[in-house]
Amino acid sequence: MRLPTDEVPAFSAPTMVEGFARVVAVEGGVAWLEPEQTSSCGSCASSSVCGAKGIGTAASRLAARRFRLDNHAGLVVGERVVVGIRENTLVKASLTAYAIPLAAMLGAGAVAQWAAGSDGITMAAMVAGLLPGLGIARLSAGLLSSRGDLSPRFLRRANVGVVCKIS
């Protein structure tokens, strides 16, 4: 089945994952923002053991999540904005954080199992393989960060009555 040309989706630009943030400080050409906690956070069945909640009070958790943004838009303290990050950036970051260390660990374990055939040696090799995997992931994350790929982008000012809706 063929779609008419006006119904074919455009795949030229990656989609953005958007979120709300509030400006908490402005220092020269830099604005410091704190992401707004969504209403769904903390209301799920596993909220008592969730690592997303962090340690301490809500204020200290938000302060730990502050991020900087170049203030080209003339943002002021207290202003609510919409920031975004490319969806493919989230995939790159996830692969960097999880796939690289896991692949290094499993690769070292497979080679050790093939060469020695001992479970103890295989476990030691897996731990030994995890360490360089974490190092490579750290270097890769540093490269992503230095290119600015991991930084949220200012998209627009948020209207006062707009709330984040899950659809």
N, C-alpha and C. Protein backbone atom coordinates (compact mmCIF):
# COMPACT_ATOMS: atom_id res chain seq x y z
N MET A 1 0.85 -1.18 0.00
CA MET A 1 0.00 0.00 0.00
C MET A 1 0.89 1.23 0.00
N ARG A 2 0.59 2.17 -0.83
CA ARG A 2 1.40 3.36 -1.00
C ARG A 2 0.65 4.58 -0.46
N LEU A 3 1.36 5.39 0.30
CA LEU A 3 0.76 6.60 0.85
C LEU A 3 0.90 7.75 -0.13
N PRO A 4 -0.09 8.63 -0.20
CA PRO A 4 0.07 9.84 -1.01
C PRO A 4 1.23 10.67 -0.46
N THR A 5 1.85 11.46 -1.31
CA THR A 5 3.05 12.20 -0.91
C THR A 5 2.78 13.18 0.23
N ASP A 6 1.56 13.68 0.35
CA ASP A 6 1.30 14.63 1.44
C ASP A 6 1.13 13.93 2.79
N GLU A 7 1.03 12.61 2.82
CA GLU A 7 0.89 11.87 4.07
C GLU A 7 2.19 11.19 4.51
N VAL A 8 3.24 11.33 3.71
CA VAL A 8 4.51 10.71 4.05
C VAL A 8 5.18 11.57 5.12
N PRO A 9 5.53 10.96 6.26
CA PRO A 9 6.14 11.75 7.32
C PRO A 9 7.55 12.20 6.94
N ALA A 10 7.94 13.37 7.40
CA ALA A 10 9.28 13.89 7.15
C ALA A 10 10.23 13.36 8.21
N PHE A 11 11.30 12.74 7.79
CA PHE A 11 12.27 12.18 8.72
C PHE A 11 13.58 12.95 8.73
N SER A 12 13.57 14.18 8.24
CA SER A 12 14.80 14.94 8.09
C SER A 12 15.33 15.46 9.43
N ALA A 13 14.48 15.82 10.34
CA ALA A 13 14.92 16.40 11.60
C ALA A 13 14.57 15.46 12.75
N PRO A 14 15.54 15.24 13.67
CA PRO A 14 15.22 14.39 14.81
C PRO A 14 14.22 15.08 15.72
N THR A 15 13.37 14.29 16.35
CA THR A 15 12.39 14.86 17.26
C THR A 15 13.05 15.25 18.56
N MET A 16 12.41 16.17 19.24
CA MET A 16 12.95 16.67 20.50
C MET A 16 12.11 16.13 21.65
N VAL A 17 12.79 15.80 22.73
CA VAL A 17 12.12 15.46 23.98
C VAL A 17 12.09 16.76 24.78
N GLU A 18 10.89 17.21 25.11
CA GLU A 18 10.74 18.50 25.76
C GLU A 18 10.43 18.35 27.24
N GLY A 19 10.80 19.37 28.00
CA GLY A 19 10.49 19.42 29.41
C GLY A 19 10.47 20.85 29.88
N PHE A 20 9.85 21.07 31.02
CA PHE A 20 9.76 22.41 31.60
C PHE A 20 10.88 22.60 32.61
N ALA A 21 11.37 23.83 32.69
CA ALA A 21 12.39 24.18 33.68
C ALA A 21 12.12 25.62 34.13
N ARG A 22 12.63 25.93 35.31
CA ARG A 22 12.46 27.27 35.86
C ARG A 22 13.84 27.89 36.05
N VAL A 23 13.97 29.15 35.67
CA VAL A 23 15.22 29.88 35.81
C VAL A 23 15.39 30.23 37.30
N VAL A 24 16.51 29.80 37.89
CA VAL A 24 16.74 30.05 39.31
C VAL A 24 17.85 31.06 39.56
N ALA A 25 18.70 31.29 38.56
CA ALA A 25 19.78 32.28 38.71
C ALA A 25 20.24 32.72 37.33
N VAL A 26 20.71 33.96 37.26
CA VAL A 26 21.29 34.48 36.03
C VAL A 26 22.61 35.11 36.41
N GLU A 27 23.69 34.64 35.78
CA GLU A 27 25.03 35.16 36.04
C GLU A 27 25.65 35.54 34.71
N GLY A 28 25.64 36.81 34.40
CA GLY A 28 26.19 37.27 33.12
C GLY A 28 25.39 36.70 31.96
N GLY A 29 26.06 35.98 31.08
CA GLY A 29 25.41 35.41 29.92
C GLY A 29 24.94 33.99 30.12
N VAL A 30 24.86 33.55 31.38
CA VAL A 30 24.47 32.18 31.69
C VAL A 30 23.25 32.18 32.60
N ALA A 31 22.28 31.35 32.25
CA ALA A 31 21.11 31.17 33.11
C ALA A 31 21.18 29.77 33.71
N TRP A 32 20.89 29.66 35.00
CA TRP A 32 20.86 28.36 35.68
C TRP A 32 19.41 27.95 35.83
N LEU A 33 19.10 26.74 35.41
CA LEU A 33 17.73 26.25 35.41
C LEU A 33 17.61 24.98 36.25
N GLU A 34 16.43 24.80 36.82
CA GLU A 34 16.08 23.56 37.52
C GLU A 34 14.90 22.94 36.79
N PRO A 35 14.99 21.66 36.48
CA PRO A 35 13.85 21.01 35.82
C PRO A 35 12.68 20.91 36.78
N GLU A 36 11.48 21.04 36.23
CA GLU A 36 10.28 20.89 37.05
C GLU A 36 9.98 19.42 37.22
N GLN A 37 9.64 19.04 38.42
CA GLN A 37 9.28 17.66 38.69
C GLN A 37 7.85 17.43 38.21
N THR A 38 7.67 16.39 37.43
CA THR A 38 6.33 16.11 36.92
C THR A 38 5.45 15.54 38.01
N SER A 39 4.15 15.65 37.83
CA SER A 39 3.22 15.17 38.84
C SER A 39 3.23 13.66 38.95
N SER A 40 3.67 12.97 37.89
CA SER A 40 3.69 11.51 37.94
C SER A 40 4.86 10.98 38.75
N CYS A 41 5.89 11.77 38.95
CA CYS A 41 7.06 11.31 39.68
C CYS A 41 6.69 11.13 41.16
N GLY A 42 6.92 9.96 41.66
CA GLY A 42 6.63 9.65 43.05
C GLY A 42 5.27 9.04 43.27
N SER A 43 4.47 8.91 42.21
CA SER A 43 3.14 8.36 42.41
C SER A 43 3.00 6.94 41.87
N CYS A 44 4.08 6.36 41.39
CA CYS A 44 3.97 5.01 40.84
C CYS A 44 4.13 3.97 41.96
N ALA A 45 3.94 2.71 41.60
CA ALA A 45 3.97 1.64 42.59
C ALA A 45 5.34 1.45 43.23
N SER A 46 6.41 1.80 42.52
CA SER A 46 7.75 1.59 43.06
C SER A 46 8.37 2.87 43.62
N SER A 47 7.55 3.83 43.99
CA SER A 47 8.08 5.11 44.45
C SER A 47 8.92 5.02 45.71
N SER A 48 8.68 4.02 46.54
CA SER A 48 9.44 3.93 47.78
C SER A 48 10.87 3.47 47.57
N VAL A 49 11.16 2.84 46.44
CA VAL A 49 12.52 2.35 46.17
C VAL A 49 13.12 2.98 44.93
N CYS A 50 12.52 4.03 44.41
CA CYS A 50 12.97 4.63 43.17
C CYS A 50 14.25 5.43 43.38
N GLY A 51 15.22 5.23 42.48
CA GLY A 51 16.46 5.99 42.55
C GLY A 51 16.32 7.39 41.97
N ALA A 52 15.25 7.67 41.26
CA ALA A 52 15.06 8.99 40.67
C ALA A 52 14.74 10.04 41.71
N LYS A 53 14.29 9.62 42.89
CA LYS A 53 13.93 10.58 43.93
C LYS A 53 15.15 11.19 44.57
N GLY A 54 16.29 10.51 44.56
CA GLY A 54 17.50 11.06 45.15
C GLY A 54 17.50 10.98 46.66
N ILE A 55 18.40 11.72 47.26
CA ILE A 55 18.58 11.71 48.70
C ILE A 55 18.31 13.10 49.23
N GLY A 56 17.64 13.20 50.33
CA GLY A 56 17.41 14.49 50.97
C GLY A 56 16.07 15.07 50.60
N THR A 57 15.99 16.37 50.81
CA THR A 57 14.73 17.08 50.58
C THR A 57 14.51 17.32 49.09
N ALA A 58 13.31 17.74 48.76
CA ALA A 58 13.00 18.05 47.37
C ALA A 58 13.88 19.19 46.86
N ALA A 59 14.16 20.17 47.69
CA ALA A 59 14.99 21.30 47.29
C ALA A 59 16.42 20.85 46.97
N SER A 60 16.98 19.98 47.78
CA SER A 60 18.35 19.53 47.52
C SER A 60 18.42 18.64 46.29
N ARG A 61 17.36 17.87 46.04
CA ARG A 61 17.34 17.04 44.83
C ARG A 61 17.28 17.90 43.59
N LEU A 62 16.47 18.96 43.60
CA LEU A 62 16.38 19.85 42.45
C LEU A 62 17.67 20.62 42.25
N ALA A 63 18.29 21.06 43.34
CA ALA A 63 19.54 21.80 43.23
C ALA A 63 20.63 20.93 42.61
N ALA A 64 20.62 19.65 42.88
CA ALA A 64 21.61 18.75 42.31
C ALA A 64 21.38 18.55 40.82
N ARG A 65 20.18 18.83 40.34
CA ARG A 65 19.86 18.64 38.93
C ARG A 65 19.93 19.94 38.13
N ARG A 66 20.43 21.02 38.72
CA ARG A 66 20.55 22.29 38.02
C ARG A 66 21.46 22.15 36.81
N PHE A 67 21.13 22.89 35.78
CA PHE A 67 21.98 22.91 34.61
C PHE A 67 22.06 24.32 34.06
N ARG A 68 23.13 24.57 33.33
CA ARG A 68 23.36 25.91 32.78
C ARG A 68 22.92 25.96 31.34
N LEU A 69 22.56 27.17 30.94
CA LEU A 69 22.08 27.40 29.59
C LEU A 69 22.55 28.78 29.18
N ASP A 70 23.11 28.91 27.98
CA ASP A 70 23.48 30.23 27.49
C ASP A 70 22.24 31.09 27.42
N ASN A 71 22.34 32.29 27.96
CA ASN A 71 21.18 33.17 28.09
C ASN A 71 21.07 34.13 26.91
N HIS A 72 20.93 33.59 25.70
CA HIS A 72 20.76 34.44 24.52
C HIS A 72 19.36 35.02 24.45
N ALA A 73 18.40 34.41 25.13
CA ALA A 73 17.01 34.85 25.06
C ALA A 73 16.65 35.90 26.12
N GLY A 74 17.61 36.28 26.95
CA GLY A 74 17.33 37.28 27.98
C GLY A 74 16.41 36.77 29.08
N LEU A 75 16.64 35.56 29.54
CA LEU A 75 15.80 34.96 30.59
C LEU A 75 16.03 35.66 31.92
N VAL A 76 14.99 35.69 32.75
CA VAL A 76 15.09 36.31 34.08
C VAL A 76 14.71 35.27 35.13
N VAL A 77 15.16 35.51 36.36
CA VAL A 77 14.90 34.59 37.46
C VAL A 77 13.40 34.44 37.68
N GLY A 78 12.96 33.19 37.83
CA GLY A 78 11.56 32.88 38.05
C GLY A 78 10.80 32.53 36.79
N GLU A 79 11.40 32.78 35.66
CA GLU A 79 10.73 32.51 34.39
C GLU A 79 10.67 31.01 34.12
N ARG A 80 9.58 30.58 33.52
CA ARG A 80 9.37 29.17 33.19
C ARG A 80 9.59 29.00 31.69
N VAL A 81 10.42 28.02 31.32
CA VAL A 81 10.77 27.83 29.91
C VAL A 81 10.61 26.37 29.52
N VAL A 82 10.57 26.14 28.22
CA VAL A 82 10.55 24.79 27.68
C VAL A 82 11.94 24.54 27.09
N VAL A 83 12.57 23.46 27.55
CA VAL A 83 13.88 23.06 27.03
C VAL A 83 13.72 21.71 26.36
N GLY A 84 14.65 21.40 25.48
CA GLY A 84 14.56 20.13 24.78
C GLY A 84 15.92 19.55 24.50
N ILE A 85 15.91 18.27 24.26
CA ILE A 85 17.12 17.55 23.88
C ILE A 85 16.71 16.60 22.77
N ARG A 86 17.57 16.42 21.79
CA ARG A 86 17.25 15.55 20.66
C ARG A 86 17.07 14.12 21.13
N GLU A 87 16.09 13.47 20.55
CA GLU A 87 15.78 12.08 20.91
C GLU A 87 16.97 11.17 20.63
N ASN A 88 17.67 11.40 19.53
CA ASN A 88 18.82 10.55 19.21
C ASN A 88 19.97 10.76 20.18
N THR A 89 20.02 11.91 20.83
CA THR A 89 21.03 12.15 21.85
C THR A 89 20.78 11.25 23.06
N LEU A 90 19.52 11.05 23.41
CA LEU A 90 19.19 10.15 24.52
C LEU A 90 19.62 8.73 24.20
N VAL A 91 19.46 8.32 22.95
CA VAL A 91 19.88 6.98 22.54
C VAL A 91 21.40 6.86 22.64
N LYS A 92 22.13 7.88 22.16
CA LYS A 92 23.59 7.86 22.24
C LYS A 92 24.06 7.78 23.69
N ALA A 93 23.43 8.58 24.54
CA ALA A 93 23.83 8.59 25.95
C ALA A 93 23.53 7.25 26.62
N SER A 94 22.40 6.65 26.29
CA SER A 94 22.06 5.34 26.87
C SER A 94 23.02 4.26 26.41
N LEU A 95 23.35 4.27 25.13
CA LEU A 95 24.31 3.29 24.62
C LEU A 95 25.68 3.48 25.27
N THR A 96 26.06 4.73 25.45
CA THR A 96 27.35 5.02 26.09
C THR A 96 27.37 4.52 27.53
N ALA A 97 26.31 4.80 28.25
CA ALA A 97 26.28 4.46 29.68
C ALA A 97 26.11 2.97 29.94
N TYR A 98 25.37 2.28 29.09
CA TYR A 98 25.03 0.88 29.37
C TYR A 98 25.67 -0.12 28.42
N ALA A 99 25.61 0.13 27.12
CA ALA A 99 26.05 -0.87 26.15
C ALA A 99 27.57 -1.06 26.14
N ILE A 100 28.33 0.02 26.24
CA ILE A 100 29.78 -0.12 26.18
C ILE A 100 30.31 -0.93 27.36
N PRO A 101 29.97 -0.59 28.61
CA PRO A 101 30.47 -1.40 29.73
C PRO A 101 29.96 -2.85 29.68
N LEU A 102 28.70 -3.03 29.31
CA LEU A 102 28.14 -4.38 29.24
C LEU A 102 28.83 -5.22 28.17
N ALA A 103 29.07 -4.64 27.01
CA ALA A 103 29.75 -5.37 25.93
C ALA A 103 31.17 -5.74 26.32
N ALA A 104 31.88 -4.82 26.98
CA ALA A 104 33.24 -5.11 27.41
C ALA A 104 33.25 -6.23 28.45
N MET A 105 32.32 -6.18 29.39
CA MET A 105 32.24 -7.19 30.43
C MET A 105 31.90 -8.56 29.84
N LEU A 106 30.89 -8.62 28.99
CA LEU A 106 30.49 -9.90 28.40
C LEU A 106 31.55 -10.44 27.45
N GLY A 107 32.19 -9.54 26.71
CA GLY A 107 33.27 -9.97 25.81
C GLY A 107 34.43 -10.60 26.57
N ALA A 108 34.85 -9.96 27.65
CA ALA A 108 35.94 -10.50 28.47
C ALA A 108 35.52 -11.83 29.09
N GLY A 109 34.28 -11.93 29.52
CA GLY A 109 33.80 -13.18 30.10
C GLY A 109 33.74 -14.30 29.08
N ALA A 110 33.32 -13.99 27.87
CA ALA A 110 33.25 -15.02 26.82
C ALA A 110 34.63 -15.53 26.45
N VAL A 111 35.59 -14.62 26.33
CA VAL A 111 36.96 -15.03 26.01
C VAL A 111 37.54 -15.88 27.14
N ALA A 112 37.32 -15.49 28.37
CA ALA A 112 37.83 -16.24 29.52
C ALA A 112 37.19 -17.62 29.60
N GLN A 113 35.89 -17.69 29.36
CA GLN A 113 35.20 -18.98 29.40
C GLN A 113 35.73 -19.90 28.30
N TRP A 114 35.96 -19.35 27.11
CA TRP A 114 36.48 -20.14 26.00
C TRP A 114 37.91 -20.61 26.28
N ALA A 115 38.73 -19.71 26.86
CA ALA A 115 40.14 -20.04 27.07
C ALA A 115 40.36 -20.92 28.29
N ALA A 116 39.70 -20.64 29.40
CA ALA A 116 39.98 -21.34 30.65
C ALA A 116 38.90 -22.35 31.00
N GLY A 117 37.65 -22.04 30.69
CA GLY A 117 36.56 -22.96 31.01
C GLY A 117 36.22 -23.03 32.49
N SER A 118 36.70 -22.09 33.27
CA SER A 118 36.46 -22.07 34.71
C SER A 118 35.53 -20.91 35.06
N ASP A 119 34.54 -21.21 35.89
CA ASP A 119 33.59 -20.16 36.27
C ASP A 119 34.26 -19.05 37.07
N GLY A 120 35.15 -19.39 37.95
CA GLY A 120 35.85 -18.40 38.77
C GLY A 120 36.68 -17.45 37.92
N ILE A 121 37.40 -18.00 36.97
CA ILE A 121 38.22 -17.18 36.08
C ILE A 121 37.32 -16.32 35.19
N THR A 122 36.21 -16.89 34.74
CA THR A 122 35.27 -16.13 33.92
C THR A 122 34.71 -14.94 34.69
N MET A 123 34.34 -15.14 35.94
CA MET A 123 33.81 -14.04 36.75
C MET A 123 34.87 -12.96 36.97
N ALA A 124 36.11 -13.38 37.25
CA ALA A 124 37.19 -12.40 37.44
C ALA A 124 37.44 -11.63 36.14
N ALA A 125 37.40 -12.32 35.02
CA ALA A 125 37.61 -11.66 33.73
C ALA A 125 36.49 -10.69 33.43
N MET A 126 35.27 -11.03 33.82
CA MET A 126 34.15 -10.12 33.59
C MET A 126 34.32 -8.83 34.39
N VAL A 127 34.75 -8.97 35.64
CA VAL A 127 35.01 -7.77 36.45
C VAL A 127 36.16 -6.98 35.85
N ALA A 128 37.19 -7.70 35.40
CA ALA A 128 38.34 -7.02 34.79
C ALA A 128 37.95 -6.36 33.47
N GLY A 129 37.03 -6.94 32.72
CA GLY A 129 36.56 -6.34 31.48
C GLY A 129 35.64 -5.16 31.70
N LEU A 130 34.93 -5.16 32.82
CA LEU A 130 34.01 -4.06 33.13
C LEU A 130 34.77 -2.76 33.36
N LEU A 131 35.92 -2.82 33.99
CA LEU A 131 36.68 -1.62 34.32
C LEU A 131 37.10 -0.83 33.08
N PRO A 132 37.74 -1.45 32.07
CA PRO A 132 38.03 -0.66 30.87
C PRO A 132 36.77 -0.23 30.13
N GLY A 133 35.72 -1.04 30.20
CA GLY A 133 34.46 -0.65 29.58
C GLY A 133 33.91 0.62 30.19
N LEU A 134 33.99 0.74 31.51
CA LEU A 134 33.56 1.97 32.18
C LEU A 134 34.45 3.16 31.79
N GLY A 135 35.74 2.90 31.65
CA GLY A 135 36.67 3.95 31.22
C GLY A 135 36.36 4.45 29.82
N ILE A 136 36.10 3.52 28.91
CA ILE A 136 35.74 3.90 27.54
C ILE A 136 34.43 4.67 27.52
N ALA A 137 33.47 4.22 28.33
CA ALA A 137 32.19 4.93 28.42
C ALA A 137 32.38 6.35 28.95
N ARG A 138 33.28 6.50 29.91
CA ARG A 138 33.54 7.83 30.46
C ARG A 138 34.17 8.74 29.41
N LEU A 139 35.11 8.22 28.64
CA LEU A 139 35.71 9.00 27.58
C LEU A 139 34.69 9.37 26.51
N SER A 140 33.84 8.43 26.17
CA SER A 140 32.81 8.68 25.17
C SER A 140 31.81 9.73 25.66
N ALA A 141 31.44 9.65 26.92
CA ALA A 141 30.53 10.64 27.50
C ALA A 141 31.18 12.02 27.53
N GLY A 142 32.47 12.06 27.82
CA GLY A 142 33.20 13.33 27.80
C GLY A 142 33.22 13.95 26.41
N LEU A 143 33.36 13.10 25.39
CA LEU A 143 33.33 13.59 24.01
C LEU A 143 31.96 14.13 23.65
N LEU A 144 30.91 13.41 24.03
CA LEU A 144 29.54 13.89 23.78
C LEU A 144 29.30 15.22 24.49
N SER A 145 29.77 15.32 25.71
CA SER A 145 29.58 16.53 26.50
C SER A 145 30.37 17.71 25.93
N SER A 146 31.60 17.47 25.50
CA SER A 146 32.42 18.56 24.97
C SER A 146 31.86 19.10 23.66
N ARG A 147 31.18 18.26 22.90
CA ARG A 147 30.54 18.71 21.66
C ARG A 147 29.22 19.43 21.95
N GLY A 148 28.75 19.37 23.19
CA GLY A 148 27.49 20.01 23.55
C GLY A 148 26.27 19.18 23.25
N ASP A 149 26.46 17.90 22.92
CA ASP A 149 25.33 17.04 22.58
C ASP A 149 24.42 16.75 23.77
N LEU A 150 24.97 16.77 24.97
CA LEU A 150 24.19 16.40 26.15
C LEU A 150 23.49 17.58 26.81
N SER A 151 23.71 18.76 26.29
CA SER A 151 23.13 19.97 26.89
C SER A 151 21.73 20.23 26.35
N PRO A 152 20.81 20.52 27.23
CA PRO A 152 19.46 20.89 26.77
C PRO A 152 19.52 22.21 26.00
N ARG A 153 18.58 22.40 25.12
CA ARG A 153 18.47 23.61 24.31
C ARG A 153 17.22 24.39 24.70
N PHE A 154 17.34 25.70 24.71
CA PHE A 154 16.18 26.56 24.96
C PHE A 154 15.29 26.49 23.72
N LEU A 155 14.01 26.17 23.92
CA LEU A 155 13.07 26.10 22.81
C LEU A 155 12.13 27.29 22.78
N ARG A 156 11.53 27.59 23.94
CA ARG A 156 10.58 28.71 24.00
C ARG A 156 10.23 29.00 25.45
N ARG A 157 9.64 30.15 25.65
CA ARG A 157 9.10 30.48 26.97
C ARG A 157 7.77 29.73 27.14
N ALA A 158 7.51 29.29 28.35
CA ALA A 158 6.28 28.55 28.62
C ALA A 158 5.20 29.52 29.06
N ASN A 159 3.99 29.27 28.60
CA ASN A 159 2.86 30.06 29.06
C ASN A 159 2.58 29.71 30.52
N VAL A 160 2.01 30.62 31.25
CA VAL A 160 1.78 30.44 32.68
C VAL A 160 0.90 29.24 32.96
N GLY A 161 -0.16 29.03 32.21
CA GLY A 161 -1.12 27.97 32.51
C GLY A 161 -0.80 26.62 31.88
N VAL A 162 0.31 26.52 31.15
CA VAL A 162 0.61 25.28 30.45
C VAL A 162 1.24 24.27 31.41
N VAL A 163 0.74 23.07 31.38
CA VAL A 163 1.31 22.00 32.19
C VAL A 163 1.70 20.86 31.27
N CYS A 164 2.61 20.05 31.73
CA CYS A 164 3.05 18.91 30.95
C CYS A 164 1.98 17.84 30.99
N LYS A 165 1.54 17.40 29.82
CA LYS A 165 0.51 16.38 29.74
C LYS A 165 1.09 15.13 29.13
N ILE A 166 0.76 14.01 29.72
CA ILE A 166 1.19 12.71 29.20
C ILE A 166 0.08 12.19 28.33
N SER A 167 0.41 11.89 27.08
CA SER A 167 -0.63 11.39 26.17
C SER A 167 -0.35 9.98 25.74
